[in-house]
Protein backbone atom coordinates (compact mmCIF):
# COMPACT_ATOMS: atom_id res chain seq x y z
CA MET A 1 0.00 0.00 0.00
CA ILE A 2 2.96 2.30 0.65
CA GLU A 3 4.07 1.75 -2.94
CA LYS A 4 0.56 2.56 -4.14
CA LEU A 5 0.60 5.83 -2.18
CA ASN A 6 4.02 6.66 -3.61
CA ALA A 7 2.79 6.03 -7.15
CA HIS A 8 -0.32 8.16 -6.53
CA VAL A 9 1.74 11.15 -5.38
CA HIS A 10 4.13 10.74 -8.29
CA SER A 11 1.20 10.76 -10.74
CA ILE A 12 -0.01 14.06 -9.26
CA PHE A 13 3.32 15.76 -9.91
CA ALA A 14 4.04 14.11 -13.28
CA PRO A 15 2.63 17.03 -15.36
CA TYR A 16 4.96 19.45 -13.56
CA LYS A 17 8.23 17.51 -13.68
CA SER A 18 9.88 20.32 -15.67
CA ALA A 19 9.33 22.76 -12.82
CA LYS A 20 12.39 22.97 -10.58
CA THR A 21 10.23 23.06 -7.43
CA ALA A 22 8.20 19.95 -8.26
CA LYS A 23 10.64 17.33 -6.99
CA GLU A 24 11.06 19.03 -3.62
CA LEU A 25 7.30 19.41 -3.12
CA GLU A 26 6.67 15.82 -4.17
CA GLU A 27 9.16 14.49 -1.64
CA GLU A 28 7.79 16.69 1.14
CA LEU A 29 4.16 15.78 0.40
CA LEU A 30 4.95 12.08 0.27
CA GLN A 31 6.67 12.22 3.65
CA ASN A 32 3.67 13.98 5.21
CA LEU A 33 1.22 11.52 3.67
CA LEU A 34 3.20 8.53 4.88
CA GLU A 35 3.01 9.89 8.40
CA LYS A 36 -0.76 10.38 8.06
CA TYR A 37 -1.19 6.88 6.62
CA ASN A 38 0.73 5.33 9.51
CA ASP A 39 -1.32 7.36 12.00
CA HIS A 40 -4.57 6.03 10.49
CA ARG A 41 -3.24 2.47 10.64
CA ARG A 42 -2.26 2.88 14.30
CA ASN A 43 -5.76 4.18 15.00
CA GLY A 44 -7.24 0.94 13.70
CA ALA A 45 -8.02 1.75 10.05
CA SER A 46 -7.52 -0.99 7.49
CA GLU A 47 -4.98 -0.54 4.72
CA GLN A 48 -7.72 0.47 2.24
CA GLU A 49 -9.36 2.84 4.73
CA ALA A 50 -6.04 4.40 5.69
CA PHE A 51 -5.13 4.86 2.03
CA LYS A 52 -8.47 6.52 1.18
CA LEU A 53 -8.33 8.85 4.20
CA THR A 54 -4.78 9.84 3.34
CA VAL A 55 -5.46 10.49 -0.35
CA ASP A 56 -8.61 12.46 0.45
CA SER A 57 -6.54 14.77 2.63
CA ILE A 58 -4.50 15.97 -0.37
CA GLY A 59 -5.35 19.52 -1.41
CA GLU A 60 -5.44 20.90 -4.94
CA VAL A 61 -1.80 20.41 -5.92
CA SER A 62 -2.27 21.30 -9.60
CA GLU A 63 -3.31 24.86 -8.81
CA LEU A 64 -0.29 25.34 -6.55
CA MET A 65 2.13 23.88 -9.09
CA GLU A 66 0.78 25.93 -11.98
CA SER A 67 1.22 29.06 -9.88
CA LEU A 68 4.76 28.13 -8.89
CA ASN A 69 5.66 27.13 -12.45
CA LEU A 70 4.38 30.46 -13.76
CA GLN A 71 6.40 32.33 -11.15
CA TYR A 72 9.51 30.37 -12.13
CA ASN A 73 9.02 31.06 -15.84
CA VAL A 74 8.57 34.78 -15.20
CA LEU A 75 11.68 34.79 -13.03
CA GLU A 76 13.67 32.86 -15.62
CA GLN A 77 12.74 35.38 -18.30
CA ALA A 78 13.56 38.29 -16.01
CA ILE A 79 17.06 37.07 -15.23
CA ASN A 80 18.05 35.89 -18.71
CA MET A 81 17.25 38.86 -20.90
CA ASP A 82 18.93 39.79 -24.16
CA TYR A 83 18.94 43.49 -24.97
CA SER A 84 21.56 43.18 -27.70
CA ARG A 85 21.43 45.36 -30.81
CA HIS A 86 18.86 47.80 -29.42
CA ARG A 87 18.82 51.56 -29.06
CA LEU A 88 18.18 52.11 -25.36
CA LEU A 89 19.30 55.69 -24.82
CA ASP A 90 18.37 57.26 -21.47
CA SER A 91 16.93 53.97 -20.19
CA ASP A 92 16.02 53.49 -16.54
CA PHE A 93 17.53 50.20 -15.34
CA ARG A 94 17.62 51.24 -11.69
CA SER A 95 17.20 48.39 -9.18
CA VAL A 96 16.72 45.73 -11.87
CA SER A 97 18.05 42.17 -11.52
CA VAL A 98 19.43 40.90 -14.81
CA HIS A 99 21.71 37.90 -14.30
CA ASP A 100 23.54 36.73 -17.43
CA GLY A 101 22.02 39.64 -19.31
CA LYS A 102 23.31 40.55 -22.76
CA PHE A 103 23.72 44.22 -23.60
CA ASN A 104 25.89 43.67 -26.65
CA SER A 105 26.21 46.06 -29.61
CA CYS A 106 23.56 48.41 -28.29
CA ASP A 107 23.39 52.12 -27.54
CA LEU A 108 22.82 52.68 -23.82
CA SER A 109 23.97 56.29 -23.68
CA ARG A 110 23.04 58.07 -20.45
CA SER A 111 21.25 55.01 -19.06
CA ASP A 112 21.07 54.53 -15.30
CA PHE A 113 22.01 51.14 -13.77
CA SER A 114 22.08 52.34 -10.17
CA HIS A 115 21.35 49.65 -7.52
CA SER A 116 21.03 47.03 -10.27
CA ASP A 117 22.29 43.43 -10.14
CA LEU A 118 24.15 42.70 -13.38
CA THR A 119 25.90 39.52 -12.29
CA ASN A 120 27.62 37.76 -15.21
CA SER A 121 26.15 40.19 -17.75
CA THR A 122 28.02 41.28 -20.88
CA PHE A 123 28.50 44.65 -22.52
CA LYS A 124 30.33 43.96 -25.77
CA ASN A 125 30.85 46.72 -28.35
CA SER A 126 28.22 48.82 -26.59
CA ASN A 127 27.96 52.55 -26.20
CA LEU A 128 27.80 53.33 -22.47
CA ASP A 129 28.54 57.03 -22.82
CA HIS A 130 27.78 58.79 -19.50
CA CYS A 131 25.97 55.77 -18.03
CA ILE A 132 25.65 55.47 -14.25
CA PHE A 133 26.74 52.36 -12.32
CA GLU A 134 26.18 53.45 -8.74
CA ASN A 135 25.70 50.76 -6.06
CA ALA A 136 25.57 48.21 -8.88
CA ASN A 137 26.56 44.54 -8.57
CA LEU A 138 29.04 43.93 -11.40
CA THR A 139 30.18 40.50 -10.23
CA GLY A 140 31.52 38.59 -13.24
CA THR A 141 30.37 41.33 -15.61
CA LEU A 142 32.29 41.69 -18.87
CA PHE A 143 32.88 45.04 -20.54
CA LYS A 144 34.53 44.38 -23.90
CA SER A 145 35.37 47.07 -26.47
CA ALA A 146 32.73 49.24 -24.82
CA ASN A 147 32.62 53.02 -24.93
CA LEU A 148 32.87 54.06 -21.27
CA LYS A 149 33.41 57.77 -21.78
CA GLY A 150 32.07 59.78 -18.86
CA VAL A 151 30.71 56.69 -17.05
CA THR A 152 30.10 57.00 -13.31
CA PHE A 153 31.27 54.05 -11.20
CA LYS A 154 30.50 54.49 -7.50
CA ASN A 155 30.03 52.12 -4.53
CA SER A 156 29.73 49.14 -6.86
CA ILE A 157 30.83 45.49 -6.57
CA TYR A 158 33.65 44.53 -8.94
CA ASN A 159 34.27 40.90 -7.97
CA LYS A 160 35.79 39.19 -11.03
CA THR A 161 34.63 42.06 -13.26
CA HIS A 162 36.51 42.06 -16.57
CA PHE A 163 37.31 45.20 -18.55
CA LYS A 164 38.74 44.15 -21.92
CA SER A 165 39.85 46.51 -24.70
CA CYS A 166 38.03 49.43 -23.08
CA ASN A 167 38.92 53.10 -22.78
CA LEU A 168 38.81 53.94 -19.06
CA SER A 169 40.96 57.05 -19.39
CA GLY A 170 40.19 59.67 -16.78
CA LEU A 171 37.50 57.66 -15.01
CA ILE A 172 37.22 57.91 -11.24
CA PHE A 173 37.25 54.76 -9.09
CA ASP A 174 38.10 56.53 -5.83
CA GLY A 175 37.29 54.53 -2.70
CA GLU A 176 36.07 51.48 -4.66
CA THR A 177 36.97 47.87 -3.77
CA PHE A 178 38.20 45.51 -6.49
CA LYS A 179 38.55 41.76 -6.00
CA GLN A 180 39.97 39.55 -8.75
CA THR A 181 39.11 42.29 -11.23
CA ILE A 182 40.84 42.16 -14.62
CA PHE A 183 41.81 45.17 -16.73
CA GLU A 184 43.01 43.76 -20.04
CA GLY A 185 44.24 45.66 -23.08
CA SER A 186 42.53 48.79 -21.77
CA SER A 187 43.54 52.41 -21.42
CA LEU A 188 43.59 53.64 -17.82
CA ARG A 189 45.53 56.80 -18.57
CA LYS A 190 44.90 59.38 -15.83
CA ALA A 191 42.29 57.15 -14.18
CA SER A 192 41.96 57.65 -10.42
CA PHE A 193 42.00 54.87 -7.82
CA ARG A 194 42.61 57.14 -4.81
CA ASP A 195 41.84 55.37 -1.50
CA ALA A 196 40.67 52.29 -3.41
CA THR A 197 41.21 48.71 -2.23
CA LEU A 198 42.63 46.24 -4.75
CA ILE A 199 42.92 42.52 -4.05
CA ASN A 200 44.32 40.13 -6.65
CA VAL A 201 43.67 42.64 -9.43
CA GLN A 202 45.34 42.16 -12.81
CA PHE A 203 46.37 44.86 -15.27
CA ARG A 204 47.22 43.02 -18.49
CA MET A 205 48.77 44.91 -21.39
CA SER A 206 47.02 48.11 -20.36
CA ASP A 207 48.02 51.76 -20.61
CA LEU A 208 48.66 52.84 -17.01
CA LYS A 209 50.31 56.22 -17.63
CA LYS A 210 49.61 58.85 -14.98
CA ILE A 211 47.20 56.56 -13.15
CA ASP A 212 46.64 57.71 -9.56
CA PHE A 213 46.79 55.22 -6.65
CA THR A 214 47.28 57.77 -3.88
CA GLY A 215 46.08 56.33 -0.55
CA ALA A 216 45.13 53.01 -2.13
CA SER A 217 45.48 49.67 -0.33
CA MET A 218 46.46 46.52 -2.21
CA ASP A 219 47.81 43.03 -1.77
CA LYS A 220 51.32 42.05 -2.83
CA LEU A 221 50.19 40.38 -6.04
CA THR A 222 48.49 43.54 -7.30
CA TYR A 223 51.38 45.69 -6.06
CA ASN A 224 53.96 43.61 -7.92
CA PHE A 225 51.84 43.70 -11.08
CA LEU A 226 51.81 47.50 -11.01
CA HIS A 227 55.38 47.84 -9.83
CA GLY A 228 56.51 45.78 -12.80
CA ALA A 229 54.65 48.22 -15.06
CA LYS A 230 56.59 51.08 -13.42
CA VAL A 231 53.49 52.70 -11.96
CA ASP A 232 54.00 55.31 -9.25
CA LEU A 233 52.94 53.54 -6.06
CA GLY A 234 54.00 56.19 -3.59
CA GLY A 235 51.54 56.40 -0.72
CA VAL A 236 50.15 52.90 -1.37
CA THR A 237 49.53 50.62 1.63
CA LEU A 238 50.21 46.88 1.39
CA ILE A 239 47.61 44.62 2.96
């Protein structure tokens, strides 16, 4: 009879097997029903009676699963969006969550990404002229051959952020914290990292002329990277 109850529960969830929450709910429901079945048996019910009482206690699972599946689909669409090849000038992306988003080959001039979560998103060959990235999560974000003229970066997360073949000349990163960030083949001429914290940051084949690290703190790996490039590290603190 236990096997019959197991099969019954499995048949209820069969139409929703593609939903990521279905397996968890099925296991939890089955455990609860087994406890109820055993309670009925201990109270003197026959196997058939215990099975019927247990099955009758099941609510409308289909309605719950359809609701959860819809929520998952909406969430999946929200976090895997492709904005590539669009003109999105002056767009308001404040406080959005766009994981693995694609903003490639599009014009995002003067757009605002403040307080947004852009984890693992890509900005390839995009125009980000005077965009705002304030309090943004740029974990794993890739900026490749992007126009970053006049961009504001402030209080953002740069864990494993990758700037490749970008012009970052004159940009201000004062007080920011960089962890495993990569600057590759990019121009950082006259960029400012005053009072910034840099941990395991790489500057590969980049133009570092007149870059300012006054008051910055960095680990030895980052320090040696910059020292080898003959960057002025006076006033830098090793951590």
